[in-house]
Each structure stands twice: as C-alpha cells, then as structure tokens.
N, C-alpha and C. Protein backbone atom coordinates (compact mmCIF):
# COMPACT_ATOMS: atom_id res chain seq x y z
N MET A 1 11.38 -66.29 47.04
CA MET A 1 10.37 -65.68 47.90
C MET A 1 10.43 -64.15 47.82
N ARG A 2 11.66 -63.61 47.79
CA ARG A 2 11.81 -62.16 47.71
C ARG A 2 11.23 -61.63 46.40
N THR A 3 11.44 -62.35 45.32
CA THR A 3 10.93 -61.93 44.02
C THR A 3 9.40 -61.90 44.03
N ALA A 4 8.79 -62.88 44.68
CA ALA A 4 7.33 -62.92 44.76
C ALA A 4 6.80 -61.73 45.55
N LYS A 5 7.48 -61.35 46.64
CA LYS A 5 7.05 -60.20 47.44
C LYS A 5 7.15 -58.92 46.64
N ILE A 6 8.25 -58.77 45.90
CA ILE A 6 8.43 -57.57 45.08
C ILE A 6 7.36 -57.52 43.99
N PHE A 7 7.09 -58.67 43.39
CA PHE A 7 6.05 -58.72 42.36
C PHE A 7 4.70 -58.32 42.92
N LEU A 8 4.34 -58.88 44.09
CA LEU A 8 3.05 -58.55 44.71
C LEU A 8 2.98 -57.08 45.12
N LEU A 9 4.09 -56.54 45.60
CA LEU A 9 4.12 -55.11 45.95
C LEU A 9 3.90 -54.26 44.70
N GLY A 10 4.59 -54.60 43.63
CA GLY A 10 4.41 -53.86 42.37
C GLY A 10 2.99 -53.98 41.83
N LEU A 11 2.43 -55.18 41.96
CA LEU A 11 1.05 -55.39 41.53
C LEU A 11 0.09 -54.53 42.33
N GLY A 12 0.29 -54.46 43.64
CA GLY A 12 -0.58 -53.64 44.49
C GLY A 12 -0.45 -52.16 44.19
N VAL A 13 0.79 -51.69 44.05
CA VAL A 13 1.01 -50.27 43.75
C VAL A 13 0.42 -49.92 42.38
N GLY A 14 0.63 -50.78 41.40
CA GLY A 14 0.07 -50.53 40.07
C GLY A 14 -1.44 -50.52 40.07
N SER A 15 -2.03 -51.46 40.80
CA SER A 15 -3.49 -51.50 40.88
C SER A 15 -4.04 -50.26 41.57
N GLY A 16 -3.38 -49.83 42.64
CA GLY A 16 -3.82 -48.63 43.34
C GLY A 16 -3.70 -47.39 42.46
N ALA A 17 -2.60 -47.29 41.74
CA ALA A 17 -2.42 -46.14 40.85
C ALA A 17 -3.49 -46.14 39.75
N THR A 18 -3.77 -47.30 39.20
CA THR A 18 -4.81 -47.40 38.18
C THR A 18 -6.17 -47.02 38.74
N PHE A 19 -6.43 -47.47 39.95
CA PHE A 19 -7.71 -47.20 40.60
C PHE A 19 -7.93 -45.70 40.80
N PHE A 20 -6.90 -44.99 41.25
CA PHE A 20 -7.07 -43.57 41.58
C PHE A 20 -6.83 -42.63 40.41
N PHE A 21 -6.04 -43.05 39.43
CA PHE A 21 -5.66 -42.12 38.37
C PHE A 21 -6.28 -42.44 37.01
N ASP A 22 -7.27 -43.34 36.97
CA ASP A 22 -7.88 -43.59 35.68
C ASP A 22 -8.69 -42.35 35.28
N PRO A 23 -8.76 -42.05 33.98
CA PRO A 23 -9.35 -40.79 33.53
C PRO A 23 -10.87 -40.69 33.71
N GLN A 24 -11.57 -41.81 33.83
CA GLN A 24 -13.02 -41.74 33.91
C GLN A 24 -13.53 -41.59 35.34
N LYS A 25 -13.12 -42.46 36.22
CA LYS A 25 -13.66 -42.44 37.58
C LYS A 25 -12.66 -42.00 38.63
N GLY A 26 -11.40 -41.79 38.25
CA GLY A 26 -10.36 -41.39 39.20
C GLY A 26 -10.69 -40.11 39.95
N PRO A 27 -11.11 -39.03 39.27
CA PRO A 27 -11.41 -37.79 39.99
C PRO A 27 -12.51 -37.97 41.04
N ARG A 28 -13.52 -38.76 40.72
CA ARG A 28 -14.60 -38.99 41.68
C ARG A 28 -14.09 -39.78 42.88
N ARG A 29 -13.29 -40.81 42.61
CA ARG A 29 -12.74 -41.61 43.71
C ARG A 29 -11.86 -40.77 44.63
N ARG A 30 -11.02 -39.94 44.02
CA ARG A 30 -10.16 -39.08 44.84
C ARG A 30 -10.98 -38.10 45.66
N ALA A 31 -12.05 -37.56 45.07
CA ALA A 31 -12.91 -36.64 45.80
C ALA A 31 -13.60 -37.34 46.97
N LEU A 32 -14.05 -38.57 46.75
CA LEU A 32 -14.67 -39.33 47.85
C LEU A 32 -13.68 -39.59 48.96
N MET A 33 -12.45 -39.97 48.61
CA MET A 33 -11.43 -40.21 49.63
C MET A 33 -11.12 -38.92 50.40
N ARG A 34 -11.03 -37.80 49.68
CA ARG A 34 -10.75 -36.52 50.33
C ARG A 34 -11.89 -36.17 51.29
N ASP A 35 -13.14 -36.35 50.84
CA ASP A 35 -14.28 -36.04 51.70
C ASP A 35 -14.28 -36.92 52.95
N GLN A 36 -13.96 -38.20 52.79
CA GLN A 36 -13.90 -39.10 53.95
C GLN A 36 -12.80 -38.67 54.91
N ALA A 37 -11.64 -38.27 54.38
CA ALA A 37 -10.54 -37.82 55.24
C ALA A 37 -10.94 -36.56 56.01
N ILE A 38 -11.63 -35.66 55.35
CA ILE A 38 -12.07 -34.43 56.01
C ILE A 38 -13.09 -34.77 57.09
N HIS A 39 -14.00 -35.70 56.80
CA HIS A 39 -15.01 -36.10 57.78
C HIS A 39 -14.34 -36.72 59.02
N VAL A 40 -13.41 -37.63 58.79
CA VAL A 40 -12.72 -38.28 59.91
C VAL A 40 -11.93 -37.25 60.71
N ALA A 41 -11.28 -36.32 60.02
CA ALA A 41 -10.53 -35.28 60.73
C ALA A 41 -11.46 -34.44 61.61
N GLY A 42 -12.66 -34.15 61.12
CA GLY A 42 -13.62 -33.41 61.93
C GLY A 42 -14.08 -34.19 63.15
N GLU A 43 -14.30 -35.49 62.97
CA GLU A 43 -14.69 -36.34 64.10
C GLU A 43 -13.58 -36.39 65.15
N VAL A 44 -12.34 -36.51 64.68
CA VAL A 44 -11.21 -36.54 65.61
C VAL A 44 -11.11 -35.22 66.36
N ARG A 45 -11.30 -34.12 65.64
CA ARG A 45 -11.23 -32.81 66.29
C ARG A 45 -12.31 -32.67 67.36
N GLU A 46 -13.51 -33.17 67.09
CA GLU A 46 -14.58 -33.11 68.09
C GLU A 46 -14.21 -33.91 69.35
N GLN A 47 -13.60 -35.07 69.15
CA GLN A 47 -13.17 -35.88 70.29
C GLN A 47 -12.07 -35.18 71.07
N ILE A 48 -11.18 -34.51 70.37
CA ILE A 48 -10.10 -33.79 71.04
C ILE A 48 -10.69 -32.68 71.90
N VAL A 49 -11.63 -31.94 71.36
CA VAL A 49 -12.27 -30.86 72.12
C VAL A 49 -12.98 -31.43 73.35
N ALA A 50 -13.64 -32.57 73.18
CA ALA A 50 -14.32 -33.19 74.31
C ALA A 50 -13.33 -33.58 75.40
N VAL A 51 -12.19 -34.12 75.00
CA VAL A 51 -11.16 -34.50 75.98
C VAL A 51 -10.58 -33.26 76.64
N GLN A 52 -10.36 -32.21 75.87
CA GLN A 52 -9.83 -30.98 76.45
C GLN A 52 -10.80 -30.39 77.47
N ASN A 53 -12.08 -30.60 77.25
CA ASN A 53 -13.08 -30.07 78.18
C ASN A 53 -13.35 -31.01 79.35
N GLY A 54 -12.55 -32.04 79.47
CA GLY A 54 -12.64 -32.90 80.63
C GLY A 54 -13.33 -34.22 80.41
N ALA A 55 -13.85 -34.47 79.22
CA ALA A 55 -14.51 -35.74 78.96
C ALA A 55 -13.47 -36.84 78.85
N ASP A 56 -13.87 -38.04 79.20
CA ASP A 56 -13.00 -39.20 79.08
C ASP A 56 -13.75 -40.22 78.23
N PRO A 57 -13.75 -40.03 76.87
CA PRO A 57 -14.64 -40.80 76.01
C PRO A 57 -14.39 -42.30 76.00
N VAL A 58 -13.21 -42.74 76.33
CA VAL A 58 -12.92 -44.17 76.29
C VAL A 58 -12.76 -44.78 77.67
N GLY A 59 -12.93 -43.98 78.69
CA GLY A 59 -12.86 -44.49 80.06
C GLY A 59 -11.45 -44.75 80.54
N ILE A 60 -10.48 -44.09 79.96
CA ILE A 60 -9.09 -44.27 80.38
C ILE A 60 -8.58 -42.94 80.92
N ASN A 61 -7.87 -42.99 82.01
CA ASN A 61 -7.25 -41.78 82.55
C ASN A 61 -5.97 -41.51 81.77
N PHE A 62 -5.87 -40.31 81.21
CA PHE A 62 -4.71 -39.97 80.43
C PHE A 62 -3.57 -39.51 81.33
N ASP A 63 -2.36 -39.71 80.88
CA ASP A 63 -1.20 -39.27 81.65
C ASP A 63 -0.93 -37.79 81.37
N PRO A 64 0.04 -37.20 82.05
CA PRO A 64 0.31 -35.76 81.87
C PRO A 64 0.72 -35.36 80.46
N ALA A 65 1.08 -36.30 79.61
CA ALA A 65 1.49 -35.95 78.24
C ALA A 65 0.29 -35.64 77.35
N LYS A 66 -0.92 -35.70 77.92
CA LYS A 66 -2.14 -35.48 77.14
C LYS A 66 -2.12 -34.15 76.40
N ASP A 67 -1.73 -33.08 77.08
CA ASP A 67 -1.73 -31.77 76.44
C ASP A 67 -0.77 -31.73 75.25
N GLU A 68 0.38 -32.37 75.39
CA GLU A 68 1.34 -32.39 74.29
C GLU A 68 0.79 -33.17 73.10
N VAL A 69 0.16 -34.29 73.36
CA VAL A 69 -0.42 -35.09 72.29
C VAL A 69 -1.54 -34.31 71.60
N ILE A 70 -2.38 -33.66 72.36
CA ILE A 70 -3.47 -32.88 71.79
C ILE A 70 -2.91 -31.76 70.91
N GLN A 71 -1.87 -31.10 71.37
CA GLN A 71 -1.27 -30.03 70.56
C GLN A 71 -0.70 -30.59 69.26
N LEU A 72 -0.05 -31.74 69.33
CA LEU A 72 0.50 -32.35 68.11
C LEU A 72 -0.61 -32.71 67.13
N ILE A 73 -1.72 -33.20 67.64
CA ILE A 73 -2.85 -33.54 66.76
C ILE A 73 -3.41 -32.28 66.12
N HIS A 74 -3.54 -31.21 66.90
CA HIS A 74 -4.02 -29.94 66.34
C HIS A 74 -3.08 -29.45 65.25
N GLU A 75 -1.77 -29.54 65.50
CA GLU A 75 -0.81 -29.09 64.50
C GLU A 75 -0.92 -29.92 63.23
N GLY A 76 -1.11 -31.21 63.38
CA GLY A 76 -1.28 -32.08 62.21
C GLY A 76 -2.53 -31.73 61.45
N TYR A 77 -3.62 -31.49 62.16
CA TYR A 77 -4.88 -31.11 61.51
C TYR A 77 -4.72 -29.77 60.80
N ASP A 78 -4.05 -28.81 61.44
CA ASP A 78 -3.84 -27.52 60.81
C ASP A 78 -2.98 -27.64 59.56
N ALA A 79 -1.96 -28.50 59.60
CA ALA A 79 -1.11 -28.71 58.43
C ALA A 79 -1.93 -29.36 57.31
N PHE A 80 -2.79 -30.31 57.67
CA PHE A 80 -3.65 -30.96 56.68
C PHE A 80 -4.58 -29.93 56.05
N SER A 81 -5.18 -29.07 56.87
CA SER A 81 -6.10 -28.05 56.35
C SER A 81 -5.37 -27.07 55.43
N ALA A 82 -4.16 -26.68 55.81
CA ALA A 82 -3.39 -25.76 54.97
C ALA A 82 -3.04 -26.40 53.63
N ALA A 83 -2.64 -27.66 53.67
CA ALA A 83 -2.31 -28.36 52.42
C ALA A 83 -3.54 -28.53 51.55
N ARG A 84 -4.67 -28.80 52.18
CA ARG A 84 -5.92 -28.95 51.43
C ARG A 84 -6.30 -27.63 50.76
N ALA A 85 -6.16 -26.52 51.51
CA ALA A 85 -6.49 -25.21 50.95
C ALA A 85 -5.56 -24.87 49.79
N GLU A 86 -4.28 -25.19 49.95
CA GLU A 86 -3.30 -24.94 48.90
C GLU A 86 -3.65 -25.77 47.66
N ASN A 87 -4.03 -27.01 47.86
CA ASN A 87 -4.41 -27.88 46.75
C ASN A 87 -5.65 -27.36 46.04
N GLN A 88 -6.62 -26.88 46.78
CA GLN A 88 -7.82 -26.33 46.17
C GLN A 88 -7.53 -25.04 45.42
N ARG A 89 -6.61 -24.25 45.95
CA ARG A 89 -6.25 -22.99 45.30
C ARG A 89 -5.57 -23.27 43.96
N ARG A 90 -4.78 -24.33 43.89
CA ARG A 90 -4.09 -24.69 42.64
C ARG A 90 -5.03 -25.26 41.60
N ALA A 91 -6.12 -25.87 42.07
CA ALA A 91 -7.03 -26.54 41.12
C ALA A 91 -7.89 -25.56 40.36
C-alpha cells in the first residue's frame, strides 16, 4: 500500500511539473496562474478593507484577534507583492 501511495505521489508531481514546465504552453499556464493569484489577492484585500471599515461580510462577529489576523494577512500580501516584483525584475 505504501508503495502505491509513493507511486501515485510521484505520478502527480511529475504530471504537475510537465504541465507547468513544458516548453510550448508552460509559460502561458504559469502566467494564467499568476494572474489568478493576483486577482484573488486583490479580492481578499478588498474584503479586508471592508472588514476594517466595520463591514461584517459573512455575518459573523469577529473576536478581538481580528486586528492581528488582518495585519498578518496584509504582511503576507506585501511579501507576495515584493516577491512578485522581484520575480518580474529578474525576468
């Protein structure tokens, strides 16, 4: 059973690598994934701003740790943006 799991894991990793790194369509696929990640990050940031301004988009009262969570999300987004800029500068 363990051998089958390792085989399936290797098959999945190999398929994913082939999918993203093939010379013909890999760059386009990676660009689409990057664009989707940027879009989702922007949507998340908009929701964070709405919550910071007092909105309760999901109808749940947040606990006092809300500000800490929001700050961590901002830091993660800023780190993502910095890494993206660094990657674009290298390209």
